[in-house]
Structure formats: C-alpha cells, structure tokens
Amino acid sequence: MALKENDLRWFRPMWRRAAVAAFLALWLGWELLFTQNMFWAVLVGAALAYVGWNFFYKFPKEENPHDQIPPSRSADEQDRQDP
C-alpha cells in the first residue's frame, strides 16, 4: 500500500519517520518482555514491519532542486540577431 501525497509530505523529514519506528519498536519490546500478550505483539510487529518497508526502503528519495533541468525558453525569448 503506497503512501498518499499528504503522508509523503508530512513524513519527508527523517526524524518523524525514525520517531514512529522507535515508538513502535519500544512498544513491541514492552509487549514481548512485560505483558507477553502475543496478539498485541504480532499486531505491533506487523505495524513495525510496514513502517520499515514504507518509511525506509520504499520511501521516495528527496529531489535536489539544483539537479533539475531548467525549462526551455520560447523562440521569442531567445537571443537572436536580426540582420
């Protein structure tokens, strides 16, 4: 399942994606070590796997605005020399 455009913009900073992944990892550790509730452990583990896949592996790379090709100018804007 791909992320929507609003989600992509909101999760663009790496610290937000890392914070969500860290929260889920801590929650998974809590469920496995202290509560030992396998239902929630599996549910949070699946959410952590989804976050790892979509936020770190498949997340689109940030485009550098300096690498973009400038738009071409029309013939009227080009420098011409009239005879």
N, C-alpha and C. Protein backbone atom coordinates (compact mmCIF):
# COMPACT_ATOMS: atom_id res chain seq x y z
N MET A 1 0.84 -1.17 0.00
CA MET A 1 0.00 0.00 0.00
C MET A 1 0.89 1.24 0.00
N ALA A 2 0.72 2.06 -0.99
CA ALA A 2 1.55 3.25 -1.13
C ALA A 2 1.03 4.37 -0.24
N LEU A 3 1.95 5.24 0.14
CA LEU A 3 1.57 6.39 0.96
C LEU A 3 0.94 7.46 0.07
N LYS A 4 0.01 8.20 0.64
CA LYS A 4 -0.65 9.28 -0.09
C LYS A 4 0.26 10.50 -0.13
N GLU A 5 -0.07 11.45 -0.99
CA GLU A 5 0.77 12.64 -1.17
C GLU A 5 0.90 13.44 0.13
N ASN A 6 -0.19 13.59 0.89
CA ASN A 6 -0.12 14.31 2.17
C ASN A 6 0.79 13.58 3.15
N ASP A 7 0.71 12.26 3.17
CA ASP A 7 1.57 11.47 4.06
C ASP A 7 3.03 11.62 3.66
N LEU A 8 3.29 11.62 2.36
CA LEU A 8 4.67 11.76 1.89
C LEU A 8 5.27 13.10 2.33
N ARG A 9 4.48 14.16 2.20
CA ARG A 9 4.98 15.48 2.61
C ARG A 9 5.20 15.55 4.12
N TRP A 10 4.26 14.98 4.91
CA TRP A 10 4.39 15.07 6.36
C TRP A 10 5.54 14.22 6.88
N PHE A 11 5.76 13.06 6.27
CA PHE A 11 6.83 12.18 6.71
C PHE A 11 8.15 12.43 5.98
N ARG A 12 8.27 13.50 5.22
CA ARG A 12 9.51 13.80 4.50
C ARG A 12 10.72 13.93 5.44
N PRO A 13 10.61 14.65 6.58
CA PRO A 13 11.78 14.71 7.47
C PRO A 13 12.08 13.33 8.08
N MET A 14 13.33 12.96 8.06
CA MET A 14 13.73 11.63 8.55
C MET A 14 13.42 11.46 10.03
N TRP A 15 13.49 12.53 10.82
CA TRP A 15 13.28 12.39 12.26
C TRP A 15 11.85 11.94 12.58
N ARG A 16 10.86 12.33 11.76
CA ARG A 16 9.49 11.89 12.00
C ARG A 16 9.33 10.40 11.74
N ARG A 17 9.94 9.94 10.65
CA ARG A 17 9.87 8.51 10.34
C ARG A 17 10.60 7.68 11.38
N ALA A 18 11.76 8.18 11.83
CA ALA A 18 12.53 7.47 12.85
C ALA A 18 11.79 7.46 14.19
N ALA A 19 11.09 8.55 14.51
CA ALA A 19 10.34 8.62 15.77
C ALA A 19 9.20 7.61 15.79
N VAL A 20 8.50 7.47 14.68
CA VAL A 20 7.41 6.49 14.60
C VAL A 20 7.97 5.08 14.72
N ALA A 21 9.07 4.81 14.04
CA ALA A 21 9.68 3.48 14.10
C ALA A 21 10.20 3.18 15.51
N ALA A 22 10.81 4.16 16.16
CA ALA A 22 11.32 3.96 17.52
C ALA A 22 10.17 3.71 18.50
N PHE A 23 9.08 4.46 18.36
CA PHE A 23 7.92 4.24 19.22
C PHE A 23 7.37 2.83 19.08
N LEU A 24 7.25 2.37 17.83
CA LEU A 24 6.73 1.03 17.60
C LEU A 24 7.70 -0.04 18.11
N ALA A 25 9.00 0.19 17.97
CA ALA A 25 9.98 -0.77 18.48
C ALA A 25 9.92 -0.86 20.00
N LEU A 26 9.78 0.28 20.67
CA LEU A 26 9.65 0.27 22.13
C LEU A 26 8.36 -0.42 22.56
N TRP A 27 7.30 -0.15 21.85
CA TRP A 27 6.02 -0.78 22.17
C TRP A 27 6.10 -2.30 21.98
N LEU A 28 6.75 -2.73 20.90
CA LEU A 28 6.92 -4.16 20.66
C LEU A 28 7.74 -4.80 21.78
N GLY A 29 8.81 -4.13 22.20
CA GLY A 29 9.61 -4.64 23.31
C GLY A 29 8.80 -4.75 24.59
N TRP A 30 7.97 -3.76 24.85
CA TRP A 30 7.10 -3.79 26.03
C TRP A 30 6.16 -5.00 25.98
N GLU A 31 5.56 -5.20 24.82
CA GLU A 31 4.61 -6.31 24.68
C GLU A 31 5.31 -7.66 24.82
N LEU A 32 6.50 -7.80 24.30
CA LEU A 32 7.19 -9.09 24.35
C LEU A 32 7.79 -9.38 25.72
N LEU A 33 8.33 -8.35 26.37
CA LEU A 33 9.06 -8.58 27.61
C LEU A 33 8.18 -8.51 28.87
N PHE A 34 7.23 -7.60 28.89
CA PHE A 34 6.49 -7.37 30.13
C PHE A 34 5.07 -7.93 30.10
N THR A 35 4.28 -7.57 29.09
CA THR A 35 2.89 -8.03 29.09
C THR A 35 2.75 -9.44 28.52
N GLN A 36 3.62 -9.81 27.62
CA GLN A 36 3.62 -11.12 26.97
C GLN A 36 2.27 -11.44 26.32
N ASN A 37 1.64 -10.42 25.78
CA ASN A 37 0.38 -10.57 25.07
C ASN A 37 0.71 -10.73 23.59
N MET A 38 0.61 -11.91 23.07
CA MET A 38 1.03 -12.20 21.70
C MET A 38 0.16 -11.53 20.65
N PHE A 39 -1.11 -11.30 20.95
CA PHE A 39 -1.97 -10.62 19.98
C PHE A 39 -1.43 -9.23 19.68
N TRP A 40 -1.16 -8.44 20.73
CA TRP A 40 -0.63 -7.09 20.51
C TRP A 40 0.79 -7.12 19.98
N ALA A 41 1.58 -8.10 20.38
CA ALA A 41 2.94 -8.20 19.88
C ALA A 41 2.95 -8.44 18.37
N VAL A 42 2.08 -9.32 17.90
CA VAL A 42 2.00 -9.58 16.46
C VAL A 42 1.48 -8.35 15.72
N LEU A 43 0.49 -7.70 16.30
CA LEU A 43 -0.09 -6.51 15.67
C LEU A 43 0.94 -5.37 15.56
N VAL A 44 1.64 -5.11 16.64
CA VAL A 44 2.66 -4.05 16.63
C VAL A 44 3.85 -4.46 15.77
N GLY A 45 4.20 -5.73 15.78
CA GLY A 45 5.29 -6.21 14.91
C GLY A 45 4.96 -6.03 13.44
N ALA A 46 3.71 -6.28 13.09
CA ALA A 46 3.29 -6.07 11.69
C ALA A 46 3.33 -4.58 11.34
N ALA A 47 2.91 -3.73 12.27
CA ALA A 47 2.97 -2.29 12.03
C ALA A 47 4.42 -1.83 11.89
N LEU A 48 5.31 -2.37 12.69
CA LEU A 48 6.73 -2.02 12.59
C LEU A 48 7.32 -2.49 11.27
N ALA A 49 6.93 -3.66 10.81
CA ALA A 49 7.40 -4.15 9.51
C ALA A 49 6.89 -3.25 8.38
N TYR A 50 5.63 -2.83 8.47
CA TYR A 50 5.06 -1.92 7.46
C TYR A 50 5.81 -0.60 7.44
N VAL A 51 6.09 -0.06 8.63
CA VAL A 51 6.81 1.21 8.73
C VAL A 51 8.23 1.05 8.18
N GLY A 52 8.89 -0.03 8.52
CA GLY A 52 10.24 -0.24 8.00
C GLY A 52 10.28 -0.33 6.49
N TRP A 53 9.31 -1.02 5.92
CA TRP A 53 9.25 -1.17 4.47
C TRP A 53 8.94 0.15 3.77
N ASN A 54 7.87 0.83 4.23
CA ASN A 54 7.42 2.03 3.53
C ASN A 54 8.21 3.29 3.89
N PHE A 55 8.70 3.41 5.10
CA PHE A 55 9.39 4.64 5.51
C PHE A 55 10.87 4.63 5.19
N PHE A 56 11.48 3.46 5.11
CA PHE A 56 12.92 3.43 4.93
C PHE A 56 13.36 2.75 3.64
N TYR A 57 12.63 1.75 3.18
CA TYR A 57 13.04 1.05 1.97
C TYR A 57 12.40 1.64 0.71
N LYS A 58 11.09 1.86 0.72
CA LYS A 58 10.38 2.31 -0.46
C LYS A 58 10.09 3.81 -0.48
N PHE A 59 10.49 4.54 0.55
CA PHE A 59 10.19 5.97 0.60
C PHE A 59 10.92 6.67 -0.54
N PRO A 60 10.22 7.54 -1.30
CA PRO A 60 10.88 8.20 -2.43
C PRO A 60 12.01 9.11 -1.97
N LYS A 61 13.08 9.09 -2.72
CA LYS A 61 14.24 9.92 -2.40
C LYS A 61 13.88 11.38 -2.63
N GLU A 62 14.51 12.24 -1.83
CA GLU A 62 14.26 13.67 -1.95
C GLU A 62 14.95 14.20 -3.21
N GLU A 63 14.21 14.96 -3.97
CA GLU A 63 14.76 15.52 -5.19
C GLU A 63 15.52 16.79 -4.87
N ASN A 64 16.69 16.92 -5.44
CA ASN A 64 17.50 18.11 -5.24
C ASN A 64 17.08 19.15 -6.27
N PRO A 65 16.63 20.33 -5.84
CA PRO A 65 16.17 21.33 -6.82
C PRO A 65 17.28 21.83 -7.73
N HIS A 66 18.55 21.66 -7.33
CA HIS A 66 19.67 22.12 -8.17
C HIS A 66 19.93 21.17 -9.32
N ASP A 67 19.43 19.94 -9.21
CA ASP A 67 19.65 18.95 -10.26
C ASP A 67 18.60 19.01 -11.37
N GLN A 68 17.58 19.82 -11.20
CA GLN A 68 16.51 19.86 -12.19
C GLN A 68 16.96 20.64 -13.43
N ILE A 69 16.44 20.23 -14.56
CA ILE A 69 16.74 20.89 -15.82
C ILE A 69 15.84 22.11 -15.93
N PRO A 70 16.40 23.27 -16.21
CA PRO A 70 15.55 24.45 -16.32
C PRO A 70 14.63 24.34 -17.54
N PRO A 71 13.45 24.95 -17.47
CA PRO A 71 12.54 24.87 -18.61
C PRO A 71 13.12 25.61 -19.82
N SER A 72 12.81 25.09 -20.99
CA SER A 72 13.34 25.72 -22.20
C SER A 72 12.59 27.03 -22.47
N ARG A 73 13.32 27.96 -23.05
CA ARG A 73 12.71 29.26 -23.36
C ARG A 73 12.08 29.19 -24.75
N SER A 74 11.06 30.00 -24.93
CA SER A 74 10.41 30.01 -26.24
C SER A 74 11.31 30.75 -27.24
N ALA A 75 10.98 30.66 -28.51
CA ALA A 75 11.79 31.28 -29.57
C ALA A 75 11.79 32.80 -29.42
N ASP A 76 10.71 33.38 -28.91
CA ASP A 76 10.66 34.84 -28.75
C ASP A 76 11.58 35.31 -27.65
N GLU A 77 11.84 34.50 -26.66
CA GLU A 77 12.70 34.90 -25.56
C GLU A 77 14.17 34.67 -25.86
N GLN A 78 14.47 33.85 -26.84
CA GLN A 78 15.87 33.54 -27.14
C GLN A 78 16.56 34.74 -27.76
N ASP A 79 17.83 34.81 -27.49
CA ASP A 79 18.62 35.91 -28.07
C ASP A 79 18.80 35.64 -29.56
N ARG A 80 18.31 36.57 -30.36
CA ARG A 80 18.51 36.43 -31.80
C ARG A 80 19.15 37.70 -32.34
N GLN A 81 19.80 37.52 -33.41
CA GLN A 81 20.41 38.67 -34.06
C GLN A 81 19.66 38.90 -35.36
N ASP A 82 19.06 40.08 -35.46
CA ASP A 82 18.38 40.41 -36.71
C ASP A 82 19.37 41.00 -37.67
N PRO A 83 19.24 40.67 -38.99
CA PRO A 83 20.21 41.19 -39.98
C PRO A 83 20.05 42.64 -40.22
